[in-house]
Amino acid sequence: MNKIKVAVLCSGGGTNFQAILNAAEAGLIPHGEISLLICDHEGAHCLTRAARYGIESVVFDRGKLSSAEREEKILQTLQDHKIGLVVLAGFMTILSKNFVQQLEGRIINVHPALLPSFGGKGMYGLHVHEAVLKAGVKVTGATVHFVSEECDGGKIISQRAVCVKEGDTPEMLQKRVMREAEWIILPEAAEEICKKLSEKETWK
């Protein structure tokens, strides 16, 4: 079987990265090989997770490089490693139109809400869950989607709903959405896309 090499882009603790690692270890991503972590923050805990699993990691610190320099280095690194699928898992950088277009159909992101609700600029991390609670909705969840030039606007791959409970704080809701949605549908989507890509060339 032609396994697709997967790179995960992450900025912080790497809980979604860990979910992917757990799924791969359990044999749930048979068409993919988690082979690279790219981080934009020195000292992020996701780097420790990668080291624990023997996965190569590269850091292009956003405090030391411009956005254009980072993107150029990331693209070159992806090409050098023959990466077929890029997974954004808590990557806190908005990517340029040029970057996204070069990876069209091969870059996905997980968002902690049911898009198109509670998405777009400024909607990340706890901000999303604060907005959900403020709106008073009874159901939230997570979405995995292809990354496009429009923030959180790419084609939806999968979604999973999570109930909002009375008395929820943003932190409580964040943890429930991760456990009941993000950590499930992100590895599933990675396998789905890898399977579709497995008979195609990864780099033109």
N, C-alpha and C. Protein backbone atom coordinates (compact mmCIF):
# COMPACT_ATOMS: atom_id res chain seq x y z
N MET A 1 0.84 -1.20 0.00
CA MET A 1 0.00 0.00 0.00
C MET A 1 0.88 1.26 0.00
N ASN A 2 0.50 2.20 -0.84
CA ASN A 2 1.23 3.47 -0.91
C ASN A 2 0.76 4.39 0.21
N LYS A 3 1.56 4.52 1.28
CA LYS A 3 1.18 5.37 2.40
C LYS A 3 1.50 6.83 2.09
N ILE A 4 0.59 7.70 2.45
CA ILE A 4 0.77 9.14 2.27
C ILE A 4 1.50 9.70 3.48
N LYS A 5 2.55 10.44 3.23
CA LYS A 5 3.28 11.08 4.32
C LYS A 5 2.50 12.30 4.80
N VAL A 6 2.32 12.38 6.11
CA VAL A 6 1.51 13.44 6.72
C VAL A 6 2.39 14.34 7.57
N ALA A 7 2.21 15.65 7.39
CA ALA A 7 2.86 16.64 8.25
C ALA A 7 1.79 17.34 9.06
N VAL A 8 2.06 17.53 10.34
CA VAL A 8 1.14 18.25 11.22
C VAL A 8 1.77 19.60 11.56
N LEU A 9 0.99 20.67 11.41
CA LEU A 9 1.44 22.02 11.77
C LEU A 9 0.75 22.41 13.07
N CYS A 10 1.54 22.80 14.05
CA CYS A 10 1.00 23.03 15.39
C CYS A 10 1.76 24.18 16.04
N SER A 11 1.07 24.90 16.94
CA SER A 11 1.70 26.05 17.60
C SER A 11 1.87 25.88 19.10
N GLY A 12 1.10 24.98 19.70
CA GLY A 12 1.09 24.95 21.17
C GLY A 12 1.23 23.59 21.78
N GLY A 13 0.26 23.23 22.63
CA GLY A 13 0.35 22.00 23.40
C GLY A 13 0.26 20.73 22.57
N GLY A 14 -0.50 20.78 21.51
CA GLY A 14 -0.56 19.64 20.60
C GLY A 14 -1.53 18.55 21.01
N THR A 15 -2.67 18.90 21.61
CA THR A 15 -3.63 17.87 21.99
C THR A 15 -4.24 17.19 20.77
N ASN A 16 -4.53 17.95 19.73
CA ASN A 16 -5.05 17.34 18.49
C ASN A 16 -3.96 16.53 17.79
N PHE A 17 -2.73 17.00 17.87
CA PHE A 17 -1.60 16.23 17.34
C PHE A 17 -1.51 14.89 18.06
N GLN A 18 -1.69 14.92 19.38
CA GLN A 18 -1.66 13.69 20.17
C GLN A 18 -2.77 12.74 19.74
N ALA A 19 -3.95 13.29 19.46
CA ALA A 19 -5.07 12.46 19.01
C ALA A 19 -4.73 11.75 17.70
N ILE A 20 -4.04 12.45 16.82
CA ILE A 20 -3.61 11.85 15.55
C ILE A 20 -2.58 10.75 15.82
N LEU A 21 -1.63 11.03 16.70
CA LEU A 21 -0.61 10.03 17.05
C LEU A 21 -1.26 8.78 17.66
N ASN A 22 -2.22 8.99 18.54
CA ASN A 22 -2.91 7.87 19.17
C ASN A 22 -3.65 7.02 18.13
N ALA A 23 -4.32 7.71 17.21
CA ALA A 23 -5.06 7.00 16.16
C ALA A 23 -4.13 6.21 15.26
N ALA A 24 -3.00 6.83 14.90
CA ALA A 24 -2.04 6.14 14.04
C ALA A 24 -1.48 4.91 14.75
N GLU A 25 -1.18 5.07 16.03
CA GLU A 25 -0.63 3.96 16.82
C GLU A 25 -1.64 2.82 16.93
N ALA A 26 -2.92 3.17 16.94
CA ALA A 26 -3.98 2.16 17.04
C ALA A 26 -4.34 1.55 15.68
N GLY A 27 -3.65 1.98 14.63
CA GLY A 27 -3.91 1.43 13.31
C GLY A 27 -5.10 2.04 12.60
N LEU A 28 -5.53 3.22 13.05
CA LEU A 28 -6.73 3.84 12.48
C LEU A 28 -6.43 4.77 11.30
N ILE A 29 -5.15 4.94 10.98
CA ILE A 29 -4.79 5.75 9.81
C ILE A 29 -3.87 4.89 8.92
N PRO A 30 -4.39 3.78 8.41
CA PRO A 30 -3.54 2.84 7.67
C PRO A 30 -2.96 3.38 6.37
N HIS A 31 -3.62 4.37 5.78
CA HIS A 31 -3.15 4.93 4.51
C HIS A 31 -2.22 6.12 4.70
N GLY A 32 -1.95 6.49 5.95
CA GLY A 32 -1.08 7.64 6.22
C GLY A 32 0.07 7.29 7.15
N GLU A 33 1.13 8.07 7.05
CA GLU A 33 2.29 7.93 7.92
C GLU A 33 2.61 9.30 8.51
N ILE A 34 2.47 9.45 9.82
CA ILE A 34 2.75 10.73 10.47
C ILE A 34 4.27 10.89 10.51
N SER A 35 4.81 11.74 9.66
CA SER A 35 6.26 11.76 9.49
C SER A 35 6.93 13.08 9.83
N LEU A 36 6.15 14.13 10.10
CA LEU A 36 6.78 15.43 10.35
C LEU A 36 5.87 16.34 11.17
N LEU A 37 6.47 17.05 12.12
CA LEU A 37 5.78 18.12 12.84
C LEU A 37 6.48 19.43 12.52
N ILE A 38 5.70 20.42 12.14
CA ILE A 38 6.24 21.76 11.92
C ILE A 38 5.58 22.68 12.93
N CYS A 39 6.40 23.40 13.69
CA CYS A 39 5.91 24.27 14.75
C CYS A 39 6.41 25.70 14.52
N ASP A 40 5.61 26.68 14.91
CA ASP A 40 6.02 28.07 14.74
C ASP A 40 6.32 28.76 16.07
N HIS A 41 6.59 27.94 17.10
CA HIS A 41 6.86 28.51 18.42
C HIS A 41 7.87 27.65 19.16
N GLU A 42 9.05 28.17 19.40
CA GLU A 42 10.06 27.42 20.14
C GLU A 42 9.57 27.13 21.56
N GLY A 43 9.81 25.92 22.00
CA GLY A 43 9.41 25.55 23.35
C GLY A 43 8.00 25.03 23.48
N ALA A 44 7.25 24.95 22.38
CA ALA A 44 5.88 24.44 22.44
C ALA A 44 5.88 22.96 22.83
N HIS A 45 4.88 22.56 23.61
CA HIS A 45 4.84 21.19 24.12
C HIS A 45 4.65 20.15 23.02
N CYS A 46 4.09 20.56 21.89
CA CYS A 46 3.91 19.61 20.78
C CYS A 46 5.24 19.03 20.33
N LEU A 47 6.33 19.78 20.52
CA LEU A 47 7.66 19.29 20.14
C LEU A 47 8.07 18.12 21.03
N THR A 48 7.69 18.18 22.30
CA THR A 48 7.97 17.08 23.22
C THR A 48 7.20 15.83 22.81
N ARG A 49 5.96 16.04 22.40
CA ARG A 49 5.14 14.91 21.94
C ARG A 49 5.78 14.24 20.72
N ALA A 50 6.24 15.06 19.77
CA ALA A 50 6.87 14.50 18.56
C ALA A 50 8.11 13.70 18.92
N ALA A 51 8.94 14.24 19.82
CA ALA A 51 10.17 13.55 20.22
C ALA A 51 9.86 12.21 20.88
N ARG A 52 8.79 12.18 21.65
CA ARG A 52 8.40 10.95 22.36
C ARG A 52 8.06 9.83 21.38
N TYR A 53 7.54 10.21 20.21
CA TYR A 53 7.16 9.22 19.20
C TYR A 53 8.20 9.06 18.10
N GLY A 54 9.34 9.72 18.25
CA GLY A 54 10.39 9.61 17.25
C GLY A 54 10.06 10.27 15.93
N ILE A 55 9.22 11.29 15.99
CA ILE A 55 8.82 12.00 14.77
C ILE A 55 9.67 13.26 14.61
N GLU A 56 10.18 13.44 13.43
CA GLU A 56 11.03 14.61 13.16
C GLU A 56 10.22 15.90 13.32
N SER A 57 10.83 16.90 13.92
CA SER A 57 10.15 18.19 14.07
C SER A 57 11.06 19.33 13.61
N VAL A 58 10.43 20.37 13.10
CA VAL A 58 11.14 21.55 12.62
C VAL A 58 10.43 22.77 13.19
N VAL A 59 11.21 23.75 13.63
CA VAL A 59 10.63 24.99 14.18
C VAL A 59 11.01 26.17 13.31
N PHE A 60 9.99 26.92 12.88
CA PHE A 60 10.19 28.20 12.20
C PHE A 60 9.48 29.24 13.06
N ASP A 61 10.20 29.79 14.01
CA ASP A 61 9.59 30.64 15.04
C ASP A 61 9.03 31.92 14.46
N ARG A 62 7.76 32.19 14.78
CA ARG A 62 7.10 33.38 14.23
C ARG A 62 7.66 34.67 14.81
N GLY A 63 8.42 34.56 15.91
CA GLY A 63 9.06 35.74 16.48
C GLY A 63 10.37 36.09 15.81
N LYS A 64 10.87 35.19 14.98
CA LYS A 64 12.18 35.40 14.35
C LYS A 64 12.12 35.51 12.83
N LEU A 65 11.01 35.07 12.25
CA LEU A 65 10.88 35.09 10.79
C LEU A 65 9.60 35.81 10.40
N SER A 66 9.63 36.48 9.27
CA SER A 66 8.41 37.11 8.75
C SER A 66 7.47 36.02 8.24
N SER A 67 6.20 36.37 8.03
CA SER A 67 5.22 35.41 7.53
C SER A 67 5.67 34.82 6.20
N ALA A 68 6.17 35.68 5.32
CA ALA A 68 6.60 35.22 3.99
C ALA A 68 7.79 34.27 4.11
N GLU A 69 8.73 34.58 4.99
CA GLU A 69 9.89 33.70 5.17
C GLU A 69 9.48 32.36 5.75
N ARG A 70 8.57 32.38 6.72
CA ARG A 70 8.09 31.14 7.32
C ARG A 70 7.40 30.26 6.28
N GLU A 71 6.53 30.88 5.52
CA GLU A 71 5.79 30.10 4.52
C GLU A 71 6.72 29.49 3.48
N GLU A 72 7.69 30.25 3.05
CA GLU A 72 8.65 29.74 2.07
C GLU A 72 9.41 28.54 2.63
N LYS A 73 9.84 28.64 3.89
CA LYS A 73 10.59 27.56 4.52
C LYS A 73 9.69 26.34 4.76
N ILE A 74 8.44 26.59 5.15
CA ILE A 74 7.51 25.48 5.38
C ILE A 74 7.25 24.73 4.08
N LEU A 75 6.97 25.46 3.00
CA LEU A 75 6.71 24.82 1.71
C LEU A 75 7.90 24.00 1.24
N GLN A 76 9.09 24.55 1.40
CA GLN A 76 10.29 23.83 0.98
C GLN A 76 10.49 22.57 1.80
N THR A 77 10.22 22.67 3.10
CA THR A 77 10.36 21.51 3.99
C THR A 77 9.35 20.43 3.62
N LEU A 78 8.12 20.83 3.33
CA LEU A 78 7.09 19.87 2.93
C LEU A 78 7.51 19.15 1.64
N GLN A 79 8.04 19.89 0.73
CA GLN A 79 8.46 19.31 -0.54
C GLN A 79 9.66 18.37 -0.33
N ASP A 80 10.62 18.80 0.47
CA ASP A 80 11.81 17.98 0.74
C ASP A 80 11.43 16.64 1.37
N HIS A 81 10.38 16.65 2.19
CA HIS A 81 9.95 15.43 2.88
C HIS A 81 8.88 14.66 2.11
N LYS A 82 8.54 15.16 0.90
CA LYS A 82 7.53 14.50 0.05
C LYS A 82 6.21 14.28 0.81
N ILE A 83 5.77 15.36 1.46
CA ILE A 83 4.53 15.31 2.23
C ILE A 83 3.33 15.34 1.30
N GLY A 84 2.38 14.45 1.56
CA GLY A 84 1.18 14.39 0.74
C GLY A 84 -0.02 15.09 1.36
N LEU A 85 -0.07 15.12 2.69
CA LEU A 85 -1.19 15.75 3.39
C LEU A 85 -0.66 16.61 4.52
N VAL A 86 -1.20 17.82 4.63
CA VAL A 86 -0.84 18.73 5.72
C VAL A 86 -2.06 18.90 6.62
N VAL A 87 -1.86 18.70 7.91
CA VAL A 87 -2.94 18.82 8.89
C VAL A 87 -2.62 19.98 9.83
N LEU A 88 -3.51 20.97 9.86
CA LEU A 88 -3.37 22.07 10.81
C LEU A 88 -4.07 21.65 12.11
N ALA A 89 -3.31 21.58 13.19
CA ALA A 89 -3.86 21.14 14.47
C ALA A 89 -3.47 22.16 15.53
N GLY A 90 -4.26 23.22 15.60
CA GLY A 90 -3.92 24.30 16.54
C GLY A 90 -2.76 25.13 16.03
N PHE A 91 -2.74 25.36 14.72
CA PHE A 91 -1.69 26.20 14.12
C PHE A 91 -2.22 27.62 14.07
N MET A 92 -1.58 28.53 14.84
CA MET A 92 -2.17 29.85 15.08
C MET A 92 -1.71 30.92 14.10
N THR A 93 -1.42 30.52 12.88
CA THR A 93 -1.02 31.48 11.86
C THR A 93 -1.99 31.42 10.68
N ILE A 94 -2.47 32.57 10.25
CA ILE A 94 -3.31 32.62 9.05
C ILE A 94 -2.39 32.52 7.84
N LEU A 95 -2.66 31.55 6.98
CA LEU A 95 -1.79 31.30 5.84
C LEU A 95 -2.23 32.10 4.62
N SER A 96 -1.27 32.46 3.79
CA SER A 96 -1.55 33.31 2.63
C SER A 96 -2.25 32.54 1.52
N LYS A 97 -2.84 33.29 0.62
CA LYS A 97 -3.52 32.72 -0.55
C LYS A 97 -2.55 31.88 -1.37
N ASN A 98 -1.35 32.37 -1.57
CA ASN A 98 -0.35 31.65 -2.35
C ASN A 98 0.01 30.32 -1.71
N PHE A 99 0.20 30.32 -0.40
CA PHE A 99 0.54 29.10 0.33
C PHE A 99 -0.56 28.06 0.17
N VAL A 100 -1.78 28.49 0.43
CA VAL A 100 -2.93 27.58 0.40
C VAL A 100 -3.14 27.01 -1.01
N GLN A 101 -3.00 27.85 -2.01
CA GLN A 101 -3.23 27.40 -3.39
C GLN A 101 -2.24 26.32 -3.79
N GLN A 102 -1.01 26.40 -3.28
CA GLN A 102 -0.01 25.40 -3.63
C GLN A 102 -0.29 24.04 -2.98
N LEU A 103 -1.16 24.03 -1.98
CA LEU A 103 -1.50 22.79 -1.29
C LEU A 103 -2.98 22.44 -1.44
N GLU A 104 -3.61 22.96 -2.46
CA GLU A 104 -5.04 22.77 -2.65
C GLU A 104 -5.42 21.29 -2.65
N GLY A 105 -6.42 20.97 -1.82
CA GLY A 105 -6.89 19.60 -1.72
C GLY A 105 -6.03 18.71 -0.85
N ARG A 106 -4.96 19.28 -0.27
CA ARG A 106 -4.03 18.48 0.53
C ARG A 106 -3.71 19.15 1.86
N ILE A 107 -4.56 20.08 2.28
CA ILE A 107 -4.35 20.75 3.57
C ILE A 107 -5.69 20.89 4.27
N ILE A 108 -5.76 20.36 5.51
CA ILE A 108 -7.02 20.36 6.25
C ILE A 108 -6.82 20.99 7.62
N ASN A 109 -7.92 21.41 8.22
CA ASN A 109 -7.89 22.08 9.52
C ASN A 109 -9.06 21.61 10.36
N VAL A 110 -8.89 21.59 11.67
CA VAL A 110 -10.00 21.31 12.57
C VAL A 110 -10.38 22.62 13.27
N HIS A 111 -11.69 22.88 13.31
CA HIS A 111 -12.21 24.10 13.95
C HIS A 111 -13.19 23.70 15.05
N PRO A 112 -13.10 24.33 16.23
CA PRO A 112 -13.91 23.90 17.38
C PRO A 112 -15.33 24.46 17.41
N ALA A 113 -16.03 24.37 16.29
CA ALA A 113 -17.44 24.77 16.21
C ALA A 113 -18.02 24.15 14.94
N LEU A 114 -19.33 24.25 14.80
CA LEU A 114 -19.99 23.73 13.61
C LEU A 114 -20.06 24.83 12.55
N LEU A 115 -19.04 24.87 11.71
CA LEU A 115 -19.01 25.87 10.64
C LEU A 115 -20.23 25.69 9.74
N PRO A 116 -20.75 26.78 9.15
CA PRO A 116 -20.15 28.12 9.10
C PRO A 116 -20.40 29.00 10.34
N SER A 117 -21.05 28.47 11.35
CA SER A 117 -21.25 29.26 12.58
C SER A 117 -19.95 29.36 13.37
N PHE A 118 -19.75 30.51 13.99
CA PHE A 118 -18.63 30.75 14.90
C PHE A 118 -17.26 30.48 14.25
N GLY A 119 -17.13 30.95 13.02
CA GLY A 119 -15.85 30.83 12.32
C GLY A 119 -15.38 32.19 11.84
N GLY A 120 -14.24 32.20 11.18
CA GLY A 120 -13.70 33.43 10.61
C GLY A 120 -12.66 34.09 11.49
N LYS A 121 -12.28 35.28 11.12
CA LYS A 121 -11.21 36.00 11.81
C LYS A 121 -11.51 36.19 13.29
N GLY A 122 -10.54 35.89 14.11
CA GLY A 122 -10.68 36.06 15.55
C GLY A 122 -11.34 34.90 16.26
N MET A 123 -11.88 33.96 15.49
CA MET A 123 -12.56 32.81 16.09
C MET A 123 -11.60 31.64 16.22
N TYR A 124 -10.91 31.60 17.35
CA TYR A 124 -9.98 30.51 17.64
C TYR A 124 -9.91 30.30 19.14
N GLY A 125 -9.52 29.08 19.54
CA GLY A 125 -9.36 28.79 20.95
C GLY A 125 -10.61 29.08 21.77
N LEU A 126 -10.39 29.65 22.95
CA LEU A 126 -11.51 29.93 23.87
C LEU A 126 -12.48 30.97 23.31
N HIS A 127 -12.02 31.82 22.38
CA HIS A 127 -12.90 32.84 21.79
C HIS A 127 -14.13 32.18 21.15
N VAL A 128 -13.92 31.02 20.53
CA VAL A 128 -15.03 30.31 19.89
C VAL A 128 -16.05 29.88 20.93
N HIS A 129 -15.60 29.28 21.99
CA HIS A 129 -16.51 28.75 23.01
C HIS A 129 -17.19 29.87 23.79
N GLU A 130 -16.48 30.98 23.98
CA GLU A 130 -17.11 32.16 24.60
C GLU A 130 -18.26 32.66 23.74
N ALA A 131 -18.04 32.68 22.42
CA ALA A 131 -19.08 33.15 21.49
C ALA A 131 -20.27 32.20 21.47
N VAL A 132 -19.99 30.92 21.53
CA VAL A 132 -21.06 29.91 21.55
C VAL A 132 -21.93 30.09 22.79
N LEU A 133 -21.30 30.26 23.95
CA LEU A 133 -22.07 30.43 25.19
C LEU A 133 -22.84 31.74 25.20
N LYS A 134 -22.23 32.78 24.66
CA LYS A 134 -22.90 34.08 24.60
C LYS A 134 -24.14 34.03 23.71
N ALA A 135 -24.06 33.23 22.63
CA ALA A 135 -25.18 33.13 21.70
C ALA A 135 -26.32 32.29 22.26
N GLY A 136 -26.02 31.47 23.27
CA GLY A 136 -27.07 30.69 23.91
C GLY A 136 -27.50 29.45 23.14
N VAL A 137 -26.69 29.01 22.19
CA VAL A 137 -27.07 27.82 21.43
C VAL A 137 -26.95 26.57 22.30
N LYS A 138 -27.70 25.54 21.96
CA LYS A 138 -27.73 24.31 22.75
C LYS A 138 -26.79 23.23 22.19
N VAL A 139 -26.37 23.41 20.96
CA VAL A 139 -25.50 22.42 20.33
C VAL A 139 -24.32 23.13 19.66
N THR A 140 -23.13 22.62 19.89
CA THR A 140 -21.94 23.09 19.20
C THR A 140 -21.23 21.86 18.65
N GLY A 141 -19.92 21.91 18.48
CA GLY A 141 -19.23 20.74 17.97
C GLY A 141 -17.91 21.11 17.33
N ALA A 142 -17.50 20.33 16.35
CA ALA A 142 -16.24 20.59 15.65
C ALA A 142 -16.40 20.27 14.18
N THR A 143 -15.55 20.89 13.38
CA THR A 143 -15.58 20.73 11.93
C THR A 143 -14.17 20.48 11.42
N VAL A 144 -14.02 19.52 10.52
CA VAL A 144 -12.78 19.38 9.77
C VAL A 144 -13.08 19.83 8.35
N HIS A 145 -12.24 20.72 7.83
CA HIS A 145 -12.49 21.26 6.49
C HIS A 145 -11.19 21.45 5.74
N PHE A 146 -11.31 21.50 4.42
CA PHE A 146 -10.15 21.85 3.61
C PHE A 146 -9.83 23.32 3.86
N VAL A 147 -8.56 23.64 3.84
CA VAL A 147 -8.14 25.03 4.04
C VAL A 147 -8.18 25.75 2.70
N SER A 148 -8.82 26.91 2.71
CA SER A 148 -8.88 27.76 1.51
C SER A 148 -8.37 29.15 1.88
N GLU A 149 -8.36 30.04 0.92
CA GLU A 149 -7.89 31.40 1.18
C GLU A 149 -8.83 32.17 2.10
N GLU A 150 -10.07 31.69 2.22
CA GLU A 150 -11.03 32.31 3.14
C GLU A 150 -10.92 31.63 4.49
N CYS A 151 -10.68 32.38 5.54
CA CYS A 151 -10.50 31.82 6.88
C CYS A 151 -11.73 31.00 7.30
N ASP A 152 -11.51 29.73 7.57
CA ASP A 152 -12.57 28.78 7.96
C ASP A 152 -13.64 28.62 6.89
N GLY A 153 -13.29 28.92 5.64
CA GLY A 153 -14.29 28.90 4.57
C GLY A 153 -14.16 27.77 3.58
N GLY A 154 -13.22 26.85 3.80
CA GLY A 154 -13.02 25.76 2.85
C GLY A 154 -14.11 24.69 2.95
N LYS A 155 -14.13 23.81 1.96
CA LYS A 155 -15.14 22.76 1.90
C LYS A 155 -15.09 21.89 3.14
N ILE A 156 -16.27 21.64 3.71
CA ILE A 156 -16.37 20.83 4.93
C ILE A 156 -16.20 19.36 4.61
N ILE A 157 -15.35 18.68 5.39
CA ILE A 157 -15.11 17.25 5.24
C ILE A 157 -15.99 16.47 6.19
N SER A 158 -16.01 16.88 7.46
CA SER A 158 -16.85 16.19 8.45
C SER A 158 -17.14 17.10 9.63
N GLN A 159 -18.24 16.79 10.33
CA GLN A 159 -18.62 17.53 11.53
C GLN A 159 -19.16 16.55 12.57
N ARG A 160 -19.05 16.96 13.82
CA ARG A 160 -19.60 16.15 14.91
C ARG A 160 -20.17 17.09 15.95
N ALA A 161 -21.41 16.83 16.36
CA ALA A 161 -22.10 17.72 17.30
C ALA A 161 -21.79 17.35 18.74
N VAL A 162 -21.82 18.38 19.60
CA VAL A 162 -21.61 18.23 21.04
C VAL A 162 -22.63 19.11 21.76
N CYS A 163 -23.25 18.57 22.80
CA CYS A 163 -24.25 19.34 23.54
C CYS A 163 -23.60 20.40 24.42
N VAL A 164 -24.22 21.55 24.47
CA VAL A 164 -23.83 22.59 25.42
C VAL A 164 -24.67 22.38 26.68
N LYS A 165 -24.01 22.30 27.84
CA LYS A 165 -24.71 22.01 29.08
C LYS A 165 -24.87 23.26 29.94
N GLU A 166 -25.93 23.26 30.71
CA GLU A 166 -26.18 24.38 31.62
C GLU A 166 -25.02 24.49 32.62
N GLY A 167 -24.53 25.70 32.79
CA GLY A 167 -23.42 25.91 33.71
C GLY A 167 -22.05 25.78 33.08
N ASP A 168 -22.01 25.50 31.78
CA ASP A 168 -20.73 25.38 31.09
C ASP A 168 -19.94 26.68 31.15
N THR A 169 -18.65 26.57 31.37
CA THR A 169 -17.72 27.68 31.16
C THR A 169 -17.05 27.45 29.82
N PRO A 170 -16.41 28.47 29.24
CA PRO A 170 -15.69 28.26 27.99
C PRO A 170 -14.66 27.12 28.10
N GLU A 171 -13.99 27.04 29.25
CA GLU A 171 -12.97 26.00 29.44
C GLU A 171 -13.60 24.61 29.48
N MET A 172 -14.73 24.48 30.16
CA MET A 172 -15.43 23.19 30.22
C MET A 172 -15.90 22.76 28.83
N LEU A 173 -16.44 23.71 28.10
CA LEU A 173 -16.95 23.41 26.77
C LEU A 173 -15.82 23.06 25.81
N GLN A 174 -14.71 23.76 25.94
CA GLN A 174 -13.55 23.48 25.10
C GLN A 174 -13.09 22.04 25.27
N LYS A 175 -12.99 21.60 26.52
CA LYS A 175 -12.53 20.23 26.80
C LYS A 175 -13.51 19.20 26.25
N ARG A 176 -14.83 19.46 26.39
CA ARG A 176 -15.81 18.51 25.90
C ARG A 176 -15.78 18.42 24.37
N VAL A 177 -15.66 19.56 23.72
CA VAL A 177 -15.61 19.56 22.25
C VAL A 177 -14.37 18.82 21.75
N MET A 178 -13.25 19.00 22.44
CA MET A 178 -12.04 18.28 22.04
C MET A 178 -12.25 16.77 22.18
N ARG A 179 -12.71 16.35 23.37
CA ARG A 179 -12.83 14.92 23.66
C ARG A 179 -13.91 14.24 22.80
N GLU A 180 -15.05 14.92 22.63
CA GLU A 180 -16.19 14.28 21.98
C GLU A 180 -16.27 14.54 20.48
N ALA A 181 -15.44 15.46 19.98
CA ALA A 181 -15.54 15.77 18.55
C ALA A 181 -14.17 15.87 17.87
N GLU A 182 -13.37 16.84 18.26
CA GLU A 182 -12.11 17.09 17.55
C GLU A 182 -11.21 15.86 17.49
N TRP A 183 -11.02 15.22 18.62
CA TRP A 183 -10.09 14.09 18.69
C TRP A 183 -10.59 12.87 17.95
N ILE A 184 -11.86 12.88 17.58
CA ILE A 184 -12.45 11.77 16.82
C ILE A 184 -12.42 12.05 15.32
N ILE A 185 -12.93 13.23 14.93
CA ILE A 185 -13.10 13.46 13.50
C ILE A 185 -11.82 13.89 12.79
N LEU A 186 -10.85 14.45 13.51
CA LEU A 186 -9.62 14.85 12.83
C LEU A 186 -8.82 13.64 12.33
N PRO A 187 -8.56 12.63 13.18
CA PRO A 187 -7.88 11.44 12.65
C PRO A 187 -8.70 10.73 11.56
N GLU A 188 -10.02 10.69 11.72
CA GLU A 188 -10.87 10.06 10.71
C GLU A 188 -10.74 10.76 9.37
N ALA A 189 -10.73 12.09 9.40
CA ALA A 189 -10.61 12.85 8.16
C ALA A 189 -9.23 12.67 7.54
N ALA A 190 -8.20 12.61 8.38
CA ALA A 190 -6.84 12.39 7.87
C ALA A 190 -6.76 11.08 7.11
N GLU A 191 -7.36 10.03 7.68
CA GLU A 191 -7.36 8.73 7.00
C GLU A 191 -8.19 8.79 5.70
N GLU A 192 -9.33 9.46 5.76
CA GLU A 192 -10.18 9.56 4.56
C GLU A 192 -9.43 10.23 3.40
N ILE A 193 -8.74 11.33 3.69
CA ILE A 193 -8.02 12.03 2.64
C ILE A 193 -6.80 11.24 2.18
N CYS A 194 -6.08 10.64 3.13
CA CYS A 194 -4.92 9.82 2.76
C CYS A 194 -5.32 8.67 1.84
N LYS A 195 -6.45 8.06 2.13
CA LYS A 195 -6.92 6.95 1.31
C LYS A 195 -7.19 7.42 -0.12
N LYS A 196 -7.79 8.60 -0.25
CA LYS A 196 -8.09 9.13 -1.57
C LYS A 196 -6.82 9.53 -2.32
N LEU A 197 -5.82 9.99 -1.57
CA LEU A 197 -4.57 10.44 -2.20
C LEU A 197 -3.60 9.29 -2.48
N SER A 198 -3.86 8.13 -1.88
CA SER A 198 -2.86 7.06 -1.90
C SER A 198 -2.53 6.54 -3.30
N GLU A 199 -3.42 6.76 -4.26
CA GLU A 199 -3.15 6.31 -5.62
C GLU A 199 -2.75 7.45 -6.54
N LYS A 200 -2.53 8.61 -5.94
CA LYS A 200 -2.14 9.78 -6.73
C LYS A 200 -0.75 10.22 -6.35
N GLU A 201 -0.13 11.00 -7.22
CA GLU A 201 1.18 11.57 -6.89
C GLU A 201 0.99 12.61 -5.78
N THR A 202 1.93 12.66 -4.86
CA THR A 202 1.82 13.62 -3.76
C THR A 202 2.34 15.00 -4.12
N TRP A 203 3.40 15.04 -4.92
CA TRP A 203 3.93 16.34 -5.35
C TRP A 203 4.04 16.37 -6.85
N LYS A 204 3.58 17.46 -7.44
CA LYS A 204 3.63 17.60 -8.90
C LYS A 204 5.05 17.93 -9.33
